[in-house]
């Protein structure tokens, strides 16, 4: 996951964008990996639970998880500003 933005996400960009378009939500989660021959492998079903009361969140695995949580919070704040 250390090279997620520059390796995994780039390699699977077309598939990940197609999934995002099909899901049609602004924010969602998938559990995925890569097969030995480099294809995207999806797992499921999964649940996306964000425990806002845990400081720091104990489920964060690395900088990508922390970045995802920051983006999730930004999305919530953005929606709250536009709803008010």
PDB file of N, CA and C in Angstrom:
ATOM      1  N   UNK A   1       0.801  -1.202   0.000  1.00  0.00           N
ATOM      2  CA  UNK A   1       0.000   0.000   0.000  1.00  0.00           C
ATOM      3  C   UNK A   1       0.848   1.271   0.000  1.00  0.00           C
ATOM      4  N   UNK A   2       2.122   1.154   0.274  1.00  0.00           N
ATOM      5  CA  UNK A   2       2.966   2.340   0.319  1.00  0.00           C
ATOM      6  C   UNK A   2       3.017   3.039  -1.034  1.00  0.00           C
ATOM      7  N   UNK A   3       2.882   2.291  -2.117  1.00  0.00           N
ATOM      8  CA  UNK A   3       2.929   2.873  -3.459  1.00  0.00           C
ATOM      9  C   UNK A   3       1.556   2.844  -4.126  1.00  0.00           C
ATOM     10  N   UNK A   4       0.504   2.856  -3.326  1.00  0.00           N
ATOM     11  CA  UNK A   4      -0.849   2.730  -3.866  1.00  0.00           C
ATOM     12  C   UNK A   4      -1.132   3.777  -4.939  1.00  0.00           C
ATOM     13  N   UNK A   5      -0.888   5.052  -4.639  1.00  0.00           N
ATOM     14  CA  UNK A   5      -1.227   6.132  -5.565  1.00  0.00           C
ATOM     15  C   UNK A   5      -0.400   6.112  -6.842  1.00  0.00           C
ATOM     16  N   UNK A   6       0.819   5.622  -6.770  1.00  0.00           N
ATOM     17  CA  UNK A   6       1.705   5.661  -7.934  1.00  0.00           C
ATOM     18  C   UNK A   6       1.824   4.324  -8.654  1.00  0.00           C
ATOM     19  N   UNK A   7       1.329   3.246  -8.043  1.00  0.00           N
ATOM     20  CA  UNK A   7       1.455   1.921  -8.658  1.00  0.00           C
ATOM     21  C   UNK A   7       0.084   1.272  -8.845  1.00  0.00           C
ATOM     22  N   UNK A   8      -0.492   0.788  -7.762  1.00  0.00           N
ATOM     23  CA  UNK A   8      -1.735   0.021  -7.823  1.00  0.00           C
ATOM     24  C   UNK A   8      -2.858   0.830  -8.470  1.00  0.00           C
ATOM     25  N   UNK A   9      -3.088   2.055  -8.006  1.00  0.00           N
ATOM     26  CA  UNK A   9      -4.183   2.881  -8.534  1.00  0.00           C
ATOM     27  C   UNK A   9      -3.973   3.225 -10.000  1.00  0.00           C
ATOM     28  N   UNK A  10      -2.736   3.445 -10.387  1.00  0.00           N
ATOM     29  CA  UNK A  10      -2.431   3.759 -11.795  1.00  0.00           C
ATOM     30  C   UNK A  10      -2.669   2.527 -12.660  1.00  0.00           C
ATOM     31  N   UNK A  11      -2.172   1.391 -12.212  1.00  0.00           N
ATOM     32  CA  UNK A  11      -2.293   0.152 -12.985  1.00  0.00           C
ATOM     33  C   UNK A  11      -3.753  -0.255 -13.189  1.00  0.00           C
ATOM     34  N   UNK A  12      -4.592  -0.005 -12.178  1.00  0.00           N
ATOM     35  CA  UNK A  12      -5.989  -0.455 -12.231  1.00  0.00           C
ATOM     36  C   UNK A  12      -6.971   0.706 -12.376  1.00  0.00           C
ATOM     37  N   UNK A  13      -6.484   1.847 -12.854  1.00  0.00           N
ATOM     38  CA  UNK A  13      -7.317   3.053 -12.940  1.00  0.00           C
ATOM     39  C   UNK A  13      -8.590   2.832 -13.756  1.00  0.00           C
ATOM     40  N   UNK A  14      -8.494   2.204 -14.897  1.00  0.00           N
ATOM     41  CA  UNK A  14      -9.658   2.013 -15.759  1.00  0.00           C
ATOM     42  C   UNK A  14     -10.721   1.187 -15.036  1.00  0.00           C
ATOM     43  N   UNK A  15     -10.311   0.089 -14.422  1.00  0.00           N
ATOM     44  CA  UNK A  15     -11.259  -0.773 -13.712  1.00  0.00           C
ATOM     45  C   UNK A  15     -11.853  -0.061 -12.502  1.00  0.00           C
ATOM     46  N   UNK A  16     -11.015   0.645 -11.744  1.00  0.00           N
ATOM     47  CA  UNK A  16     -11.509   1.341 -10.556  1.00  0.00           C
ATOM     48  C   UNK A  16     -12.482   2.461 -10.924  1.00  0.00           C
ATOM     49  N   UNK A  17     -12.192   3.181 -12.002  1.00  0.00           N
ATOM     50  CA  UNK A  17     -13.124   4.229 -12.464  1.00  0.00           C
ATOM     51  C   UNK A  17     -14.445   3.613 -12.932  1.00  0.00           C
ATOM     52  N   UNK A  18     -14.383   2.473 -13.623  1.00  0.00           N
ATOM     53  CA  UNK A  18     -15.599   1.809 -14.090  1.00  0.00           C
ATOM     54  C   UNK A  18     -16.450   1.352 -12.900  1.00  0.00           C
ATOM     55  N   UNK A  19     -15.801   0.847 -11.866  1.00  0.00           N
ATOM     56  CA  UNK A  19     -16.532   0.438 -10.658  1.00  0.00           C
ATOM     57  C   UNK A  19     -17.193   1.656 -10.029  1.00  0.00           C
ATOM     58  N   UNK A  20     -16.455   2.758  -9.899  1.00  0.00           N
ATOM     59  CA  UNK A  20     -16.998   3.978  -9.294  1.00  0.00           C
ATOM     60  C   UNK A  20     -18.201   4.496 -10.080  1.00  0.00           C
ATOM     61  N   UNK A  21     -18.105   4.487 -11.404  1.00  0.00           N
ATOM     62  CA  UNK A  21     -19.227   4.946 -12.230  1.00  0.00           C
ATOM     63  C   UNK A  21     -20.439   4.041 -12.070  1.00  0.00           C
ATOM     64  N   UNK A  22     -20.188   2.751 -11.988  1.00  0.00           N
ATOM     65  CA  UNK A  22     -21.292   1.788 -11.850  1.00  0.00           C
ATOM     66  C   UNK A  22     -21.963   1.888 -10.488  1.00  0.00           C
ATOM     67  N   UNK A  23     -21.166   2.075  -9.434  1.00  0.00           N
ATOM     68  CA  UNK A  23     -21.714   2.190  -8.085  1.00  0.00           C
ATOM     69  C   UNK A  23     -22.532   3.479  -7.974  1.00  0.00           C
ATOM     70  N   UNK A  24     -22.005   4.565  -8.530  1.00  0.00           N
ATOM     71  CA  UNK A  24     -22.751   5.811  -8.553  1.00  0.00           C
ATOM     72  C   UNK A  24     -22.801   6.576  -7.239  1.00  0.00           C
ATOM     73  N   UNK A  25     -21.938   6.227  -6.312  1.00  0.00           N
ATOM     74  CA  UNK A  25     -21.884   6.936  -5.035  1.00  0.00           C
ATOM     75  C   UNK A  25     -20.628   7.787  -4.982  1.00  0.00           C
ATOM     76  N   UNK A  26     -20.699   8.864  -4.209  1.00  0.00           N
ATOM     77  CA  UNK A  26     -19.539   9.732  -4.078  1.00  0.00           C
ATOM     78  C   UNK A  26     -18.435   9.087  -3.254  1.00  0.00           C
ATOM     79  N   UNK A  27     -18.809   8.214  -2.319  1.00  0.00           N
ATOM     80  CA  UNK A  27     -17.831   7.591  -1.431  1.00  0.00           C
ATOM     81  C   UNK A  27     -18.292   6.175  -1.143  1.00  0.00           C
ATOM     82  N   UNK A  28     -17.420   5.200  -1.370  1.00  0.00           N
ATOM     83  CA  UNK A  28     -17.742   3.802  -1.091  1.00  0.00           C
ATOM     84  C   UNK A  28     -16.439   3.048  -0.878  1.00  0.00           C
ATOM     85  N   UNK A  29     -16.544   1.822  -0.466  1.00  0.00           N
ATOM     86  CA  UNK A  29     -15.346   1.030  -0.203  1.00  0.00           C
ATOM     87  C   UNK A  29     -15.417  -0.289  -0.968  1.00  0.00           C
ATOM     88  N   UNK A  30     -14.255  -0.754  -1.375  1.00  0.00           N
ATOM     89  CA  UNK A  30     -14.131  -2.089  -1.938  1.00  0.00           C
ATOM     90  C   UNK A  30     -12.914  -2.735  -1.281  1.00  0.00           C
ATOM     91  N   UNK A  31     -12.916  -4.027  -1.242  1.00  0.00           N
ATOM     92  CA  UNK A  31     -11.748  -4.766  -0.772  1.00  0.00           C
ATOM     93  C   UNK A  31     -11.190  -5.463  -1.998  1.00  0.00           C
ATOM     94  N   UNK A  32      -9.954  -5.186  -2.294  1.00  0.00           N
ATOM     95  CA  UNK A  32      -9.391  -5.729  -3.527  1.00  0.00           C
ATOM     96  C   UNK A  32      -7.921  -6.057  -3.353  1.00  0.00           C
ATOM     97  N   UNK A  33      -7.417  -6.757  -4.310  1.00  0.00           N
ATOM     98  CA  UNK A  33      -6.010  -7.124  -4.342  1.00  0.00           C
ATOM     99  C   UNK A  33      -5.608  -7.317  -5.785  1.00  0.00           C
ATOM    100  N   UNK A  34      -4.523  -8.000  -5.973  1.00  0.00           N
ATOM    101  CA  UNK A  34      -4.008  -8.224  -7.314  1.00  0.00           C
ATOM    102  C   UNK A  34      -3.637  -9.691  -7.450  1.00  0.00           C
ATOM    103  N   UNK A  35      -4.025 -10.284  -8.565  1.00  0.00           N
ATOM    104  CA  UNK A  35      -3.678 -11.677  -8.822  1.00  0.00           C
ATOM    105  C   UNK A  35      -2.190 -11.763  -9.185  1.00  0.00           C
ATOM    106  N   UNK A  36      -1.605 -12.958  -9.123  1.00  0.00           N
ATOM    107  CA  UNK A  36      -0.185 -13.101  -9.484  1.00  0.00           C
ATOM    108  C   UNK A  36       0.143 -12.604 -10.891  1.00  0.00           C
ATOM    109  N   UNK A  37      -0.853 -12.652 -11.790  1.00  0.00           N
ATOM    110  CA  UNK A  37      -0.591 -12.165 -13.153  1.00  0.00           C
ATOM    111  C   UNK A  37      -0.962 -10.686 -13.329  1.00  0.00           C
ATOM    112  N   UNK A  38      -1.248  -9.978 -12.220  1.00  0.00           N
ATOM    113  CA  UNK A  38      -1.437  -8.537 -12.263  1.00  0.00           C
ATOM    114  C   UNK A  38      -2.848  -8.039 -12.488  1.00  0.00           C
ATOM    115  N   UNK A  39      -3.835  -8.926 -12.465  1.00  0.00           N
ATOM    116  CA  UNK A  39      -5.221  -8.479 -12.640  1.00  0.00           C
ATOM    117  C   UNK A  39      -5.820  -8.052 -11.309  1.00  0.00           C
ATOM    118  N   UNK A  40      -6.787  -7.128 -11.377  1.00  0.00           N
ATOM    119  CA  UNK A  40      -7.490  -6.661 -10.187  1.00  0.00           C
ATOM    120  C   UNK A  40      -8.401  -7.776  -9.686  1.00  0.00           C
ATOM    121  N   UNK A  41      -8.373  -8.030  -8.395  1.00  0.00           N
ATOM    122  CA  UNK A  41      -9.198  -9.064  -7.772  1.00  0.00           C
ATOM    123  C   UNK A  41     -10.048  -8.399  -6.709  1.00  0.00           C
ATOM    124  N   UNK A  42     -11.378  -8.531  -6.829  1.00  0.00           N
ATOM    125  CA  UNK A  42     -12.308  -7.939  -5.870  1.00  0.00           C
ATOM    126  C   UNK A  42     -12.779  -8.994  -4.882  1.00  0.00           C
ATOM    127  N   UNK A  43     -12.903  -8.587  -3.630  1.00  0.00           N
ATOM    128  CA  UNK A  43     -13.425  -9.440  -2.567  1.00  0.00           C
ATOM    129  C   UNK A  43     -14.729  -8.835  -2.075  1.00  0.00           C
ATOM    130  N   UNK A  44     -15.539  -9.627  -1.447  1.00  0.00           N
ATOM    131  CA  UNK A  44     -16.763  -9.067  -0.871  1.00  0.00           C
ATOM    132  C   UNK A  44     -17.533 -10.151  -0.174  1.00  0.00           C
ATOM    133  N   UNK A  45     -18.596  -9.816   0.478  1.00  0.00           N
ATOM    134  CA  UNK A  45     -19.056  -8.455   0.741  1.00  0.00           C
ATOM    135  C   UNK A  45     -18.219  -7.796   1.840  1.00  0.00           C
ATOM    136  N   UNK A  46     -18.231  -6.489   1.866  1.00  0.00           N
ATOM    137  CA  UNK A  46     -17.507  -5.757   2.902  1.00  0.00           C
ATOM    138  C   UNK A  46     -18.431  -4.718   3.517  1.00  0.00           C
ATOM    139  N   UNK A  47     -18.016  -4.205   4.656  1.00  0.00           N
ATOM    140  CA  UNK A  47     -18.729  -3.122   5.330  1.00  0.00           C
ATOM    141  C   UNK A  47     -17.746  -1.998   5.578  1.00  0.00           C
ATOM    142  N   UNK A  48     -18.213  -0.801   5.412  1.00  0.00           N
ATOM    143  CA  UNK A  48     -17.373   0.360   5.640  1.00  0.00           C
ATOM    144  C   UNK A  48     -17.900   1.058   6.890  1.00  0.00           C
ATOM    145  N   UNK A  49     -17.172   0.926   7.965  1.00  0.00           N
ATOM    146  CA  UNK A  49     -17.573   1.510   9.232  1.00  0.00           C
ATOM    147  C   UNK A  49     -16.501   2.505   9.656  1.00  0.00           C
ATOM    148  N   UNK A  50     -16.905   3.727   9.909  1.00  0.00           N
ATOM    149  CA  UNK A  50     -15.973   4.757  10.363  1.00  0.00           C
ATOM    150  C   UNK A  50     -16.340   5.107  11.795  1.00  0.00           C
ATOM    151  N   UNK A  51     -15.451   4.785  12.707  1.00  0.00           N
ATOM    152  CA  UNK A  51     -15.676   5.069  14.125  1.00  0.00           C
ATOM    153  C   UNK A  51     -15.051   6.412  14.465  1.00  0.00           C
ATOM    154  N   UNK A  52     -15.835   7.467  14.396  1.00  0.00           N
ATOM    155  CA  UNK A  52     -15.316   8.821  14.593  1.00  0.00           C
ATOM    156  C   UNK A  52     -14.863   9.061  16.026  1.00  0.00           C
ATOM    157  N   UNK A  53     -15.357   8.279  16.979  1.00  0.00           N
ATOM    158  CA  UNK A  53     -15.011   8.536  18.375  1.00  0.00           C
ATOM    159  C   UNK A  53     -13.677   7.925  18.781  1.00  0.00           C
ATOM    160  N   UNK A  54     -13.065   7.135  17.944  1.00  0.00           N
ATOM    161  CA  UNK A  54     -11.782   6.533  18.272  1.00  0.00           C
ATOM    162  C   UNK A  54     -10.676   7.484  17.824  1.00  0.00           C
ATOM    163  N   UNK A  55      -9.850   7.939  18.759  1.00  0.00           N
ATOM    164  CA  UNK A  55      -8.765   8.884  18.448  1.00  0.00           C
ATOM    165  C   UNK A  55      -7.447   8.336  18.936  1.00  0.00           C
ATOM    166  N   UNK A  56      -6.457   8.130  18.114  1.00  0.00           N
ATOM    167  CA  UNK A  56      -6.591   8.041  16.659  1.00  0.00           C
ATOM    168  C   UNK A  56      -7.296   6.754  16.293  1.00  0.00           C
ATOM    169  N   UNK A  57      -7.917   6.733  15.126  1.00  0.00           N
ATOM    170  CA  UNK A  57      -8.613   5.505  14.734  1.00  0.00           C
ATOM    171  C   UNK A  57      -7.660   4.311  14.735  1.00  0.00           C
ATOM    172  N   UNK A  58      -8.035   3.266  15.445  1.00  0.00           N
ATOM    173  CA  UNK A  58      -7.147   2.118  15.615  1.00  0.00           C
ATOM    174  C   UNK A  58      -7.055   1.265  14.361  1.00  0.00           C
ATOM    175  N   UNK A  59      -7.957   1.464  13.405  1.00  0.00           N
ATOM    176  CA  UNK A  59      -7.952   0.627  12.211  1.00  0.00           C
ATOM    177  C   UNK A  59      -7.044   1.150  11.111  1.00  0.00           C
ATOM    178  N   UNK A  60      -6.444   2.321  11.298  1.00  0.00           N
ATOM    179  CA  UNK A  60      -5.603   2.870  10.243  1.00  0.00           C
ATOM    180  C   UNK A  60      -4.355   2.021  10.073  1.00  0.00           C
ATOM    181  N   UNK A  61      -4.101   1.613   8.843  1.00  0.00           N
ATOM    182  CA  UNK A  61      -2.982   0.731   8.540  1.00  0.00           C
ATOM    183  C   UNK A  61      -1.768   1.477   8.020  1.00  0.00           C
ATOM    184  N   UNK A  62      -1.954   2.673   7.510  1.00  0.00           N
ATOM    185  CA  UNK A  62      -0.835   3.407   6.935  1.00  0.00           C
ATOM    186  C   UNK A  62      -1.294   4.744   6.399  1.00  0.00           C
ATOM    187  N   UNK A  63      -0.411   5.435   5.683  1.00  0.00           N
ATOM    188  CA  UNK A  63      -0.758   6.773   5.197  1.00  0.00           C
ATOM    189  C   UNK A  63      -1.953   6.788   4.252  1.00  0.00           C
ATOM    190  N   UNK A  64      -2.169   5.723   3.489  1.00  0.00           N
ATOM    191  CA  UNK A  64      -3.310   5.691   2.584  1.00  0.00           C
ATOM    192  C   UNK A  64      -4.621   5.658   3.358  1.00  0.00           C
ATOM    193  N   UNK A  65      -4.664   4.914   4.451  1.00  0.00           N
ATOM    194  CA  UNK A  65      -5.872   4.882   5.270  1.00  0.00           C
ATOM    195  C   UNK A  65      -6.121   6.239   5.906  1.00  0.00           C
ATOM    196  N   UNK A  66      -5.081   6.867   6.406  1.00  0.00           N
ATOM    197  CA  UNK A  66      -5.229   8.192   7.013  1.00  0.00           C
ATOM    198  C   UNK A  66      -5.698   9.195   5.968  1.00  0.00           C
ATOM    199  N   UNK A  67      -5.154   9.119   4.756  1.00  0.00           N
ATOM    200  CA  UNK A  67      -5.575  10.010   3.680  1.00  0.00           C
ATOM    201  C   UNK A  67      -7.051   9.762   3.340  1.00  0.00           C
ATOM    202  N   UNK A  68      -7.460   8.522   3.299  1.00  0.00           N
ATOM    203  CA  UNK A  68      -8.852   8.193   3.025  1.00  0.00           C
ATOM    204  C   UNK A  68      -9.781   8.750   4.084  1.00  0.00           C
ATOM    205  N   UNK A  69      -9.375   8.652   5.345  1.00  0.00           N
ATOM    206  CA  UNK A  69     -10.187   9.190   6.425  1.00  0.00           C
ATOM    207  C   UNK A  69     -10.284  10.715   6.326  1.00  0.00           C
ATOM    208  N   UNK A  70      -9.180  11.378   5.990  1.00  0.00           N
ATOM    209  CA  UNK A  70      -9.212  12.842   5.800  1.00  0.00           C
ATOM    210  C   UNK A  70     -10.158  13.211   4.657  1.00  0.00           C
ATOM    211  N   UNK A  71     -10.118  12.467   3.572  1.00  0.00           N
ATOM    212  CA  UNK A  71     -11.003  12.740   2.441  1.00  0.00           C
ATOM    213  C   UNK A  71     -12.465  12.504   2.805  1.00  0.00           C
ATOM    214  N   UNK A  72     -12.723  11.465   3.590  1.00  0.00           N
ATOM    215  CA  UNK A  72     -14.080  11.175   4.046  1.00  0.00           C
ATOM    216  C   UNK A  72     -14.599  12.314   4.912  1.00  0.00           C
ATOM    217  N   UNK A  73     -13.792  12.783   5.853  1.00  0.00           N
ATOM    218  CA  UNK A  73     -14.202  13.902   6.704  1.00  0.00           C
ATOM    219  C   UNK A  73     -14.435  15.160   5.879  1.00  0.00           C
ATOM    220  N   UNK A  74     -13.582  15.425   4.902  1.00  0.00           N
ATOM    221  CA  UNK A  74     -13.748  16.595   4.037  1.00  0.00           C
ATOM    222  C   UNK A  74     -15.055  16.506   3.262  1.00  0.00           C
ATOM    223  N   UNK A  75     -15.397  15.314   2.774  1.00  0.00           N
ATOM    224  CA  UNK A  75     -16.645  15.143   2.053  1.00  0.00           C
ATOM    225  C   UNK A  75     -17.833  15.436   2.958  1.00  0.00           C
ATOM    226  N   UNK A  76     -17.796  14.927   4.201  1.00  0.00           N
ATOM    227  CA  UNK A  76     -18.893  15.189   5.139  1.00  0.00           C
ATOM    228  C   UNK A  76     -19.025  16.674   5.431  1.00  0.00           C
ATOM    229  N   UNK A  77     -17.910  17.353   5.676  1.00  0.00           N
ATOM    230  CA  UNK A  77     -17.939  18.793   5.951  1.00  0.00           C
ATOM    231  C   UNK A  77     -18.464  19.562   4.737  1.00  0.00           C
ATOM    232  N   UNK A  78     -18.070  19.166   3.545  1.00  0.00           N
ATOM    233  CA  UNK A  78     -18.529  19.820   2.338  1.00  0.00           C
ATOM    234  C   UNK A  78     -20.030  19.682   2.186  1.00  0.00           C
ATOM    235  N   UNK A  79     -20.557  18.495   2.413  1.00  0.00           N
ATOM    236  CA  UNK A  79     -21.999  18.273   2.307  1.00  0.00           C
ATOM    237  C   UNK A  79     -22.738  19.059   3.384  1.00  0.00           C
ATOM    238  N   UNK A  80     -22.185  19.099   4.587  1.00  0.00           N
ATOM    239  CA  UNK A  80     -22.839  19.838   5.678  1.00  0.00           C
ATOM    240  C   UNK A  80     -22.923  21.331   5.343  1.00  0.00           C
ATOM    241  N   UNK A  81     -21.856  21.891   4.770  1.00  0.00           N
ATOM    242  CA  UNK A  81     -21.865  23.318   4.392  1.00  0.00           C
ATOM    243  C   UNK A  81     -22.919  23.594   3.333  1.00  0.00           C
ATOM    244  N   UNK A  82     -23.089  22.681   2.384  1.00  0.00           N
ATOM    245  CA  UNK A  82     -24.027  22.926   1.287  1.00  0.00           C
ATOM    246  C   UNK A  82     -25.477  22.609   1.658  1.00  0.00           C
ATOM    247  N   UNK A  83     -25.680  21.896   2.735  1.00  0.00           N
ATOM    248  CA  UNK A  83     -27.043  21.569   3.187  1.00  0.00           C
ATOM    249  C   UNK A  83     -27.606  22.662   4.092  1.00  0.00           C
ATOM    250  N   UNK A  84     -26.702  23.445   4.714  1.00  0.00           N
ATOM    251  CA  UNK A  84     -27.109  24.444   5.697  1.00  0.00           C
ATOM    252  C   UNK A  84     -27.588  25.669   5.112  1.00  0.00           C
TER     253      UNK A  84
END
